[in-house]
Protein backbone atom coordinates (compact mmCIF):
# COMPACT_ATOMS: atom_id res chain seq x y z
CA MET A 1 6.38 -14.44 14.36
CA ASN A 2 5.37 -13.26 17.83
CA GLU A 3 3.95 -9.80 18.45
CA ILE A 4 7.12 -8.35 19.99
CA ALA A 5 9.15 -9.41 16.96
CA ALA A 6 6.47 -7.91 14.71
CA LEU A 7 6.63 -4.68 16.70
CA LEU A 8 10.41 -4.51 16.31
CA LEU A 9 10.04 -5.31 12.61
CA SER A 10 7.55 -2.48 12.19
CA PHE A 11 9.90 0.05 13.84
CA GLY A 12 12.80 -1.18 11.74
CA PHE A 13 10.69 -0.93 8.60
CA VAL A 14 9.63 2.68 9.24
CA PHE A 15 13.10 3.88 10.25
CA ALA A 16 14.58 2.13 7.19
CA LEU A 17 12.17 4.09 5.00
CA ILE A 18 13.15 7.35 6.67
CA GLY A 19 16.82 6.42 6.27
CA ILE A 20 16.44 5.66 2.55
CA ALA A 21 14.51 8.88 1.94
CA THR A 22 17.08 10.88 3.91
CA PHE A 23 19.93 9.36 1.89
CA LEU A 24 18.18 10.15 -1.41
CA LEU A 25 17.47 13.72 -0.31
CA SER A 26 20.96 14.33 1.09
CA PHE A 27 22.60 13.48 -2.23
CA ASP A 28 19.99 15.35 -4.26
CA PHE A 29 18.72 12.22 -5.95
CA VAL A 30 15.18 13.38 -5.17
CA SER A 31 13.48 16.59 -4.12
CA GLY A 32 12.07 17.19 -0.66
CA GLU A 33 8.58 16.63 -1.99
CA VAL A 34 9.50 13.23 -3.44
CA SER A 35 11.30 12.15 -0.26
CA ARG A 36 8.20 12.99 1.79
CA LYS A 37 5.99 10.95 -0.51
CA VAL A 38 8.42 8.00 -0.46
CA ILE A 39 7.94 7.92 3.31
CA HIS A 40 4.22 8.64 3.07
CA ILE A 41 3.56 5.79 0.65
CA GLY A 42 5.98 3.40 2.31
CA VAL A 43 4.71 3.87 5.86
CA SER A 44 1.16 2.98 4.79
CA ASN A 45 2.40 -0.60 4.35
CA TRP A 46 2.92 -0.76 8.12
CA TRP A 47 -0.73 -1.81 8.34
CA LEU A 48 0.07 -5.04 6.49
CA ILE A 49 2.63 -5.96 9.15
CA ALA A 50 0.20 -5.10 11.94
CA MET A 51 -2.82 -6.95 10.56
CA ASN A 52 -0.85 -10.10 9.76
CA PHE A 53 1.43 -10.39 12.78
CA MET A 54 -0.26 -8.52 15.65
CA GLU A 55 -3.31 -9.69 17.55
CA HIS A 56 -3.81 -7.23 20.39
CA ALA A 57 -4.61 -3.54 20.27
CA TYR A 58 -2.26 -2.76 23.16
CA ILE A 59 0.66 -3.97 21.03
CA ALA A 60 -0.49 -2.46 17.74
CA VAL A 61 -0.98 1.03 19.23
CA ILE A 62 2.65 1.29 20.33
CA GLY A 63 3.85 2.20 16.84
CA PRO A 64 1.29 4.91 16.09
CA ILE A 65 1.63 6.47 19.56
CA SER A 66 5.42 6.47 19.25
CA PHE A 67 5.31 8.19 15.89
CA ILE A 68 2.80 10.78 17.01
CA ILE A 69 5.46 11.79 19.54
CA ILE A 70 8.44 11.38 17.18
CA ASN A 71 6.75 13.23 14.32
CA THR A 72 5.69 16.07 16.61
CA ILE A 73 9.30 16.49 17.75
CA SER A 74 10.49 16.30 14.13
CA TYR A 75 7.91 18.88 13.09
CA LYS A 76 9.10 21.32 15.76
CA GLN A 77 12.84 20.63 15.50
CA HIS A 78 13.04 19.59 11.82
CA LEU A 79 14.59 16.34 13.03
CA PHE A 80 13.90 14.38 9.83
CA PRO A 81 14.04 16.85 6.90
CA ALA A 82 13.16 14.06 4.46
CA MET A 83 9.61 13.90 5.80
CA GLU A 84 8.99 17.55 6.66
CA ASP A 85 7.37 20.20 4.48
CA ASP A 86 9.70 22.74 2.87
CA VAL A 87 7.57 25.55 4.30
CA PRO A 88 7.98 25.56 8.11
CA ARG A 89 4.76 24.97 10.06
CA ASP A 90 2.80 24.80 6.83
CA ASN A 91 1.59 21.22 7.05
CA LEU A 92 0.76 18.98 10.04
CA GLY A 93 0.17 15.96 7.83
CA THR A 94 3.07 13.99 9.31
CA ILE A 95 1.41 14.22 12.74
CA TYR A 96 -2.10 13.55 11.46
CA PHE A 97 -1.07 10.32 9.71
CA PRO A 98 -0.07 8.39 12.88
CA ILE A 99 -3.16 9.82 14.60
CA SER A 100 -5.24 8.15 11.88
CA LEU A 101 -3.28 4.94 12.37
CA LEU A 102 -4.01 5.08 16.09
CA VAL A 103 -7.75 5.62 15.56
CA LEU A 104 -7.99 2.78 13.06
CA VAL A 105 -5.95 0.43 15.24
CA LEU A 106 -8.35 1.04 18.13
CA LEU A 107 -11.38 0.54 15.89
CA CYS A 108 -10.13 -2.48 13.97
CA PHE A 109 -8.16 -4.41 16.59
CA ASN A 110 -11.06 -4.08 19.02
CA GLY A 111 -13.51 -5.46 16.45
CA TYR A 112 -15.54 -2.37 15.58
CA LEU A 113 -14.31 -2.42 11.97
CA PRO A 114 -12.69 -5.25 10.00
CA LEU A 115 -8.93 -5.13 9.63
CA SER A 116 -9.41 -5.05 5.87
CA ALA A 117 -11.28 -1.75 6.30
CA GLY A 118 -8.28 -0.32 8.12
CA ALA A 119 -6.06 -1.58 5.31
CA ALA A 120 -8.30 0.14 2.75
CA GLY A 121 -8.22 3.45 4.62
CA ILE A 122 -4.48 3.50 5.24
CA LEU A 123 -3.39 2.18 1.84
CA ILE A 124 -5.73 4.60 0.05
CA MET A 125 -4.05 7.36 2.02
CA GLY A 126 -0.63 6.01 1.15
CA TYR A 127 -0.89 5.04 -2.49
CA GLY A 128 -3.91 7.05 -3.62
CA ASP A 129 -3.08 10.36 -2.00
CA GLY A 130 0.69 9.89 -2.29
CA LEU A 131 0.71 9.17 -6.02
CA ALA A 132 -1.90 11.87 -6.63
CA ALA A 133 0.35 14.47 -5.02
CA LEU A 134 3.44 13.36 -6.93
CA ILE A 135 1.81 13.12 -10.34
CA GLY A 136 -0.52 16.08 -9.89
CA SER A 137 2.20 18.48 -8.73
CA HIS A 138 4.60 17.53 -11.52
CA PHE A 139 2.30 17.05 -14.49
CA GLY A 140 -1.10 18.49 -13.57
CA ARG A 141 -2.17 21.62 -15.40
CA TYR A 142 -5.90 21.95 -14.89
CA ARG A 143 -6.87 22.79 -11.32
CA ILE A 144 -10.04 22.03 -9.37
CA LYS A 145 -11.23 24.47 -6.71
CA LEU A 146 -13.70 22.94 -4.25
CA GLY A 147 -14.93 23.05 -0.67
CA PRO A 148 -15.36 25.81 1.91
CA TRP A 149 -11.58 26.21 2.14
CA ASN A 150 -11.21 26.57 -1.65
CA THR A 151 -8.69 23.73 -1.72
CA ARG A 152 -6.87 23.54 -5.04
CA LYS A 153 -6.22 20.14 -6.60
CA THR A 154 -5.23 19.19 -10.12
CA LEU A 155 -7.54 17.20 -12.36
CA LEU A 156 -4.70 14.78 -13.11
CA GLY A 157 -3.90 14.37 -9.42
CA SER A 158 -7.51 13.62 -8.52
CA SER A 159 -7.79 11.18 -11.43
CA THR A 160 -4.66 9.44 -10.15
CA MET A 161 -6.18 9.29 -6.68
CA LEU A 162 -9.33 7.66 -8.07
CA ILE A 163 -7.46 5.06 -10.13
CA ALA A 164 -4.86 4.19 -7.48
CA SER A 165 -7.53 3.94 -4.78
CA PHE A 166 -9.70 1.74 -7.01
CA ILE A 167 -6.84 -0.70 -7.65
CA THR A 168 -5.86 -0.70 -3.97
CA VAL A 169 -9.38 -1.48 -2.73
CA LEU A 170 -9.96 -4.05 -5.46
CA LEU A 171 -6.89 -5.98 -4.33
CA ILE A 172 -7.92 -5.76 -0.68
CA VAL A 173 -11.46 -7.02 -1.38
CA ALA A 174 -10.15 -9.82 -3.61
CA LEU A 175 -7.66 -10.98 -0.96
CA SER A 176 -9.95 -10.61 2.06
CA PRO A 177 -10.90 -13.88 3.81
CA ALA A 178 -14.49 -15.01 3.40
CA GLU A 179 -15.86 -13.85 6.71
CA SER A 180 -19.20 -12.10 7.07
CA LEU A 181 -19.85 -8.81 8.84
CA ALA A 182 -23.44 -9.89 9.33
CA THR A 183 -22.71 -13.13 11.19
CA ASP A 184 -19.46 -12.30 12.94
CA PRO A 185 -19.34 -8.57 13.70
CA ILE A 186 -16.73 -8.76 16.46
CA ASN A 187 -13.01 -9.43 15.97
CA ILE A 188 -13.40 -10.30 12.31
CA ARG A 189 -10.35 -10.24 10.05
CA GLY A 190 -12.00 -9.25 6.75
CA LEU A 191 -15.06 -8.94 4.57
CA SER A 192 -16.70 -11.70 2.55
CA THR A 193 -15.07 -12.20 -0.82
CA PRO A 194 -17.48 -11.26 -3.65
CA GLY A 195 -17.39 -11.94 -7.37
CA PHE A 196 -15.41 -9.63 -9.62
CA SER A 197 -18.34 -7.38 -10.51
CA GLY A 198 -19.24 -6.89 -6.84
CA ALA A 199 -15.61 -6.28 -5.90
CA ALA A 200 -15.22 -3.76 -8.72
CA GLY A 201 -18.42 -1.97 -7.71
CA VAL A 202 -17.39 -1.68 -4.07
CA SER A 203 -13.88 -0.61 -5.07
CA PHE A 204 -15.19 2.14 -7.33
CA LEU A 205 -17.60 3.48 -4.71
CA VAL A 206 -14.90 3.58 -2.03
CA ALA A 207 -12.34 5.09 -4.40
CA LEU A 208 -14.80 7.75 -5.57
CA GLY A 209 -15.73 8.60 -1.97
CA ALA A 210 -12.06 8.83 -0.95
CA THR A 211 -11.28 11.07 -3.92
CA LEU A 212 -14.15 13.44 -3.12
CA ILE A 213 -13.13 13.55 0.55
CA GLU A 214 -9.56 14.39 -0.45
CA LEU A 215 -10.81 17.08 -2.83
CA VAL A 216 -12.67 19.06 -0.18
CA THR A 217 -10.29 18.56 2.75
CA PRO A 218 -7.78 21.33 3.52
CA ARG A 219 -4.08 20.58 3.19
CA GLY A 220 -2.64 18.06 5.62
CA PHE A 221 -5.93 17.32 7.35
CA ASP A 222 -6.77 14.80 4.64
CA ASN A 223 -4.35 12.49 6.46
CA ILE A 224 -7.14 12.13 9.00
CA THR A 225 -10.31 12.42 6.93
CA VAL A 226 -9.33 10.16 4.03
CA PRO A 227 -8.16 7.03 5.89
CA ILE A 228 -10.81 7.07 8.62
CA LEU A 229 -13.80 7.92 6.44
CA SER A 230 -12.60 5.54 3.71
CA ALA A 231 -12.45 2.71 6.26
CA PHE A 232 -16.06 3.37 7.27
CA LEU A 233 -17.11 3.64 3.63
CA PHE A 234 -15.36 0.36 2.83
CA THR A 235 -17.24 -1.36 5.64
CA ALA A 236 -20.60 0.13 4.63
CA THR A 237 -20.28 -0.69 0.95
CA GLY A 238 -18.88 -4.14 1.70
CA GLY A 239 -21.99 -4.88 3.70
CA LEU A 240 -24.03 -4.48 0.50
CA LEU A 241 -22.40 -7.64 -0.81
CA LEU A 242 -23.54 -9.87 2.06
């Protein structure tokens, strides 16, 4: 698949997710909160399309830049209710997410971080944070109050974040090609593949770091802090295995 086809596929994929979530919300099959998380979790998989079928940063940035613009318009005009917060102007997370994608595309596709680090950051944001919000808001009873902004999270939600992030990173490390950060720091496609104990150790450290970052970050802004800082943490801890 060439890069233009991959770009078209990525747009089709994201708009299909929005369409499915909109359909589910319109017929009251799901709540607004669930429809937002369906999109949130689903869109994180865009990185898998980009890292496997795109080679150049100038192609890969087109999607994130486009959705910074589209999501800003939607935020102001409520263009896509399925991905907007029920409380108007209460949450800029839908704009912050493509900003994080843009930052990580520039870092990873220009060789400053491995693409697997970008995958870790974005998929942690998608699956870890997304599932944490869904499960924590519906079933969480005990709340955690942390950070200078007194952000309130549920114990169950944060536990879900830790577990989902651990599994996500473990899969990424296990499937990463055996390429070394130490010997090939530019334009690499992944980290070296360690044994299970090393992979589990790295995965736990990254998952724990991501969970703590999410705990202390004010609402919405975690769509920037979690993916970007998790990508750096993934790279740093992965280097311990080399």
